[in-house]
Amino acid sequence: MTAERTGAENVDRTLALLWRARGGAAEPTRGRRPTLTIERIVAAAIAVADADGLSAASMHRVAKELGAGTMTLYTYVPGKAELVDLMVDDVLVERRLPGPGEPRPADWREQVALYAERTRAAYRTHPWLCEVSRVRPPLGPGQLAGQEYLLSIMDGLGLAPRQAVAAANGIGTYVDANAALGAENTRLERSTGQSTEAWWHQRSTFWEDYFVVDAHPAMNRIWLGGGFDESAKAQGDTAYEFGLDRMLDGIQALVG
């Protein structure tokens, strides 16, 4: 289940917090002299979510970790929805994608690979990201840096504006979806104490007791041909790399 975290009821305040490095947000918005910072609050919330999941990063829990009162946090951040927006964007900033004029790989496919690797790493480090809906993303520096990076790659290939947007969105969606699957696997292994390989091994009798060869001839042929010889994790990685490579092949064919 994804978490509701859009700051729609506090749009101006949320945007000011996201872009606080540009002087968009004073802290706190009310109350006595500040004893905390937005950065400390967000860092504490991320640490809690990394350890115990997103649901654990309540305003009360984060305040406790900081040795502050719950109501004190509300003088800095309007609520949990806005806090999660800040958490997500801070994690996206951690990818440190090259900005305009900064060094990057020479080959455009390697540039895409850098985006993919750093995005997947972010999900591995912060598996709670898979609990967060990305349908309405936080419009912060991290989110926009990712979009700018992918669009700059596609624009550099000479794609028409709509093609560049479609290609960048396609790559971003594909990478995010795969990264989220990996994060979900990490969460399951942590919560159950059982690895994915152990889970499949536990169900190994299925193939002898329930699998009907005549009803699944293609699957059986591929099985006998070694198609499923890799571990579940390796199969997932192979499928991801295959899909991304074919997507990039299509873009390459388009630009010539």
Protein backbone atom coordinates (compact mmCIF):
# COMPACT_ATOMS: atom_id res chain seq x y z
CA MET A 1 0.00 0.00 0.00
CA THR A 2 1.33 3.42 -0.93
CA ALA A 3 1.37 6.29 1.51
CA GLU A 4 -0.66 9.45 1.07
CA ARG A 5 1.89 12.19 1.28
CA THR A 6 0.91 15.05 -1.00
CA GLY A 7 0.99 18.42 0.72
CA ALA A 8 -1.97 19.71 -1.31
CA GLU A 9 -3.57 21.57 1.60
CA ASN A 10 -0.34 23.48 2.27
CA VAL A 11 0.99 23.95 -1.26
CA ASP A 12 2.78 27.26 -0.70
CA ARG A 13 4.29 26.14 2.60
CA THR A 14 5.40 22.79 1.16
CA LEU A 15 7.08 24.42 -1.84
CA ALA A 16 8.81 26.91 0.45
CA LEU A 17 10.12 24.05 2.57
CA LEU A 18 11.29 22.06 -0.44
CA TRP A 19 13.18 25.07 -1.78
CA ARG A 20 14.36 26.32 1.62
CA ALA A 21 17.97 26.48 0.39
CA ARG A 22 16.87 29.44 -1.71
CA GLY A 23 15.48 31.20 1.31
CA GLY A 24 11.92 30.10 0.67
CA ALA A 25 11.07 29.04 4.21
CA ALA A 26 11.60 30.63 7.58
CA GLU A 27 11.85 28.23 10.51
CA PRO A 28 9.84 27.84 12.54
CA THR A 29 6.63 29.43 11.29
CA ARG A 30 5.43 30.24 14.80
CA GLY A 31 6.40 29.82 18.45
CA ARG A 32 9.59 30.41 20.39
CA ARG A 33 13.19 30.69 19.22
CA PRO A 34 14.17 27.73 16.99
CA THR A 35 15.86 24.79 18.69
CA LEU A 36 15.76 22.49 15.65
CA THR A 37 16.28 22.80 11.90
CA ILE A 38 14.33 21.41 8.97
CA GLU A 39 17.44 19.47 7.97
CA ARG A 40 17.67 17.73 11.35
CA ILE A 41 14.00 16.88 11.34
CA VAL A 42 14.09 15.41 7.83
CA ALA A 43 17.30 13.49 8.55
CA ALA A 44 15.77 12.00 11.70
CA ALA A 45 12.61 11.02 9.83
CA ILE A 46 14.66 9.34 7.10
CA ALA A 47 16.67 7.43 9.70
CA VAL A 48 13.48 6.17 11.36
CA ALA A 49 11.97 5.13 8.02
CA ASP A 50 15.20 3.39 6.99
CA ALA A 51 15.16 1.35 10.18
CA ASP A 52 11.47 0.68 10.75
CA GLY A 53 9.51 1.66 7.64
CA LEU A 54 7.65 4.76 6.58
CA SER A 55 4.69 4.22 8.88
CA ALA A 56 7.04 4.42 11.86
CA ALA A 57 8.15 7.93 10.90
CA SER A 58 5.26 9.66 12.63
CA MET A 59 5.56 13.20 13.90
CA HIS A 60 5.53 11.80 17.45
CA ARG A 61 8.31 9.27 16.77
CA VAL A 62 10.51 11.78 14.97
CA ALA A 63 10.05 14.31 17.76
CA LYS A 64 11.03 11.66 20.30
CA GLU A 65 14.19 10.82 18.34
CA LEU A 66 15.12 14.50 18.42
CA GLY A 67 14.31 14.93 22.09
CA ALA A 68 11.61 17.45 21.27
CA GLY A 69 7.88 17.74 21.81
CA THR A 70 5.57 16.62 19.04
CA MET A 71 3.91 20.02 18.82
CA THR A 72 7.34 21.61 18.38
CA LEU A 73 7.74 19.76 15.08
CA TYR A 74 4.51 21.27 13.80
CA THR A 75 6.09 24.72 14.08
CA TYR A 76 8.60 23.58 11.45
CA VAL A 77 6.59 21.18 9.25
CA PRO A 78 2.78 21.34 8.85
CA GLY A 79 2.29 17.57 9.07
CA LYS A 80 3.28 14.04 8.06
CA ALA A 81 2.33 14.49 4.40
CA GLU A 82 4.64 17.45 4.02
CA LEU A 83 7.38 15.70 5.99
CA VAL A 84 7.31 12.74 3.60
CA ASP A 85 7.57 15.11 0.64
CA LEU A 86 10.72 16.53 2.21
CA MET A 87 12.08 13.06 2.95
CA VAL A 88 11.54 11.85 -0.61
CA ASP A 89 13.14 14.88 -2.20
CA ASP A 90 16.15 14.81 0.14
CA VAL A 91 16.73 11.18 -0.86
CA LEU A 92 16.46 12.11 -4.54
CA VAL A 93 19.02 14.87 -4.00
CA GLU A 94 21.39 12.19 -2.64
CA ARG A 95 21.71 10.79 -6.17
CA ARG A 96 24.01 13.73 -7.00
CA LEU A 97 23.17 13.67 -10.70
CA PRO A 98 25.39 15.93 -12.84
CA GLY A 99 23.83 19.33 -13.42
CA PRO A 100 24.26 21.68 -16.39
CA GLY A 101 27.94 22.12 -17.20
CA GLU A 102 29.09 19.44 -14.72
CA PRO A 103 31.17 16.42 -15.82
CA ARG A 104 29.21 13.38 -16.98
CA PRO A 105 29.92 10.24 -19.04
CA ALA A 106 30.60 10.98 -22.70
CA ASP A 107 28.27 8.31 -24.10
CA TRP A 108 24.56 9.01 -23.76
CA ARG A 109 23.76 5.42 -22.85
CA GLU A 110 26.31 5.59 -20.04
CA GLN A 111 24.62 8.79 -18.88
CA VAL A 112 21.31 6.93 -18.65
CA ALA A 113 23.07 4.07 -16.85
CA LEU A 114 24.38 6.54 -14.27
CA TYR A 115 20.83 7.79 -13.63
CA ALA A 116 19.56 4.22 -13.34
CA GLU A 117 22.33 3.04 -11.03
CA ARG A 118 22.01 5.97 -8.64
CA THR A 119 18.23 5.77 -8.57
CA ARG A 120 18.26 2.05 -7.82
CA ALA A 121 20.89 2.66 -5.14
CA ALA A 122 18.61 5.24 -3.51
CA TYR A 123 15.81 2.66 -3.30
CA ARG A 124 18.17 0.03 -1.91
CA THR A 125 19.38 2.41 0.79
CA HIS A 126 15.89 3.71 1.54
CA PRO A 127 13.47 0.83 0.77
CA TRP A 128 10.53 2.78 2.24
CA LEU A 129 10.53 4.74 -1.04
CA CYS A 130 8.46 1.93 -2.53
CA GLU A 131 5.70 2.81 -0.04
CA VAL A 132 5.39 6.32 -1.44
CA SER A 133 3.18 7.19 -4.38
CA ARG A 134 5.14 8.93 -7.14
CA VAL A 135 2.03 9.87 -9.12
CA ARG A 136 2.09 13.38 -7.65
CA PRO A 137 5.79 13.89 -6.87
CA PRO A 138 7.20 16.61 -4.63
CA LEU A 139 8.32 19.49 -6.84
CA GLY A 140 11.64 19.89 -5.10
CA PRO A 141 15.30 20.13 -6.14
CA GLY A 142 15.82 16.35 -6.17
CA GLN A 143 12.81 15.63 -8.35
CA LEU A 144 13.62 18.38 -10.83
CA ALA A 145 17.31 17.46 -10.97
CA GLY A 146 16.35 13.98 -12.14
CA GLN A 147 13.99 15.30 -14.79
CA GLU A 148 16.51 17.88 -16.00
CA TYR A 149 19.20 15.23 -16.25
CA LEU A 150 17.14 12.81 -18.35
CA LEU A 151 15.71 15.57 -20.53
CA SER A 152 19.19 16.95 -21.17
CA ILE A 153 20.27 13.53 -22.44
CA MET A 154 17.29 13.20 -24.78
CA ASP A 155 17.59 16.81 -25.93
CA GLY A 156 21.24 16.22 -26.70
CA LEU A 157 20.25 13.43 -29.07
CA GLY A 158 18.22 15.86 -31.14
CA LEU A 159 14.80 14.43 -30.31
CA ALA A 160 11.79 16.65 -30.89
CA PRO A 161 10.45 18.19 -27.66
CA ARG A 162 7.54 15.76 -27.27
CA GLN A 163 9.76 12.81 -28.13
CA ALA A 164 12.32 13.96 -25.57
CA VAL A 165 9.64 14.16 -22.88
CA ALA A 166 8.21 10.76 -23.82
CA ALA A 167 11.63 9.11 -23.83
CA ALA A 168 12.72 10.69 -20.54
CA ASN A 169 9.44 9.81 -18.86
CA GLY A 170 9.60 6.26 -20.20
CA ILE A 171 13.11 5.72 -18.86
CA GLY A 172 12.31 7.33 -15.51
CA THR A 173 9.14 5.29 -15.05
CA TYR A 174 10.86 2.04 -15.99
CA VAL A 175 13.80 2.61 -13.66
CA ASP A 176 11.59 3.75 -10.77
CA ALA A 177 9.27 0.76 -11.15
CA ASN A 178 12.14 -1.71 -11.12
CA ALA A 179 13.84 0.05 -8.23
CA ALA A 180 10.57 -0.07 -6.28
CA LEU A 181 10.31 -3.83 -6.85
CA GLY A 182 13.82 -4.26 -5.50
CA ALA A 183 12.98 -2.13 -2.49
CA GLU A 184 9.83 -4.15 -1.84
CA ASN A 185 11.92 -7.31 -1.90
CA THR A 186 14.31 -5.78 0.63
CA ARG A 187 11.41 -4.82 2.89
CA LEU A 188 9.96 -8.33 2.73
CA GLU A 189 13.29 -9.94 3.54
CA ARG A 190 13.74 -7.62 6.52
CA SER A 191 10.21 -8.05 7.85
CA THR A 192 10.00 -11.83 7.39
CA GLY A 193 13.62 -12.77 7.96
CA GLN A 194 13.41 -14.97 4.87
CA SER A 195 15.37 -14.39 1.68
CA THR A 196 13.70 -14.55 -1.72
CA GLU A 197 15.73 -17.64 -2.58
CA ALA A 198 14.58 -19.35 0.62
CA TRP A 199 10.97 -18.41 -0.19
CA TRP A 200 11.20 -20.10 -3.58
CA HIS A 201 13.01 -23.13 -2.15
CA GLN A 202 10.21 -23.55 0.38
CA ARG A 203 7.82 -23.95 -2.55
CA SER A 204 9.97 -26.30 -4.62
CA THR A 205 7.47 -29.16 -4.26
CA PHE A 206 5.01 -27.14 -6.35
CA TRP A 207 6.76 -28.15 -9.57
CA GLU A 208 6.40 -31.87 -8.88
CA ASP A 209 3.00 -31.87 -7.20
CA TYR A 210 1.03 -29.21 -9.07
CA PHE A 211 2.78 -28.09 -12.26
CA VAL A 212 1.12 -29.56 -15.36
CA VAL A 213 3.54 -29.76 -18.27
CA ASP A 214 0.85 -30.11 -20.96
CA ALA A 215 -0.82 -26.87 -19.83
CA HIS A 216 2.46 -24.94 -19.87
CA PRO A 217 4.50 -26.27 -22.81
CA ALA A 218 6.40 -23.03 -23.49
CA MET A 219 7.38 -22.68 -19.85
CA ASN A 220 8.54 -26.29 -19.79
CA ARG A 221 10.62 -25.95 -22.97
CA ILE A 222 12.30 -22.82 -21.65
CA TRP A 223 12.90 -24.50 -18.30
CA LEU A 224 14.57 -27.48 -19.99
CA GLY A 225 16.59 -25.07 -22.13
CA GLY A 226 18.07 -23.41 -19.05
CA GLY A 227 15.95 -20.27 -19.15
CA PHE A 228 15.30 -20.40 -15.41
CA ASP A 229 18.76 -21.49 -14.27
CA GLU A 230 19.54 -18.15 -12.64
CA SER A 231 18.45 -17.29 -9.11
CA ALA A 232 15.28 -15.24 -8.69
CA LYS A 233 17.34 -12.13 -7.96
CA ALA A 234 19.60 -12.70 -10.95
CA GLN A 235 16.58 -13.24 -13.20
CA GLY A 236 15.17 -9.92 -12.02
CA ASP A 237 18.44 -8.12 -12.73
CA THR A 238 18.72 -9.74 -16.15
CA ALA A 239 15.15 -8.78 -17.03
CA TYR A 240 15.76 -5.20 -15.93
CA GLU A 241 18.96 -4.83 -17.94
CA PHE A 242 17.38 -6.47 -20.98
CA GLY A 243 14.36 -4.16 -20.86
CA LEU A 244 16.41 -0.99 -20.39
CA ASP A 245 18.81 -1.95 -23.18
CA ARG A 246 15.92 -2.59 -25.59
CA MET A 247 14.36 0.76 -24.68
CA LEU A 248 17.64 2.52 -25.39
CA ASP A 249 18.04 0.54 -28.63
CA GLY A 250 14.67 1.92 -29.72
CA ILE A 251 15.74 5.49 -28.98
CA GLN A 252 19.03 4.87 -30.80
CA ALA A 253 17.15 3.61 -33.86
CA LEU A 254 14.95 6.71 -33.78
CA VAL A 255 17.85 9.17 -33.82
CA GLY A 256 19.92 7.12 -36.27
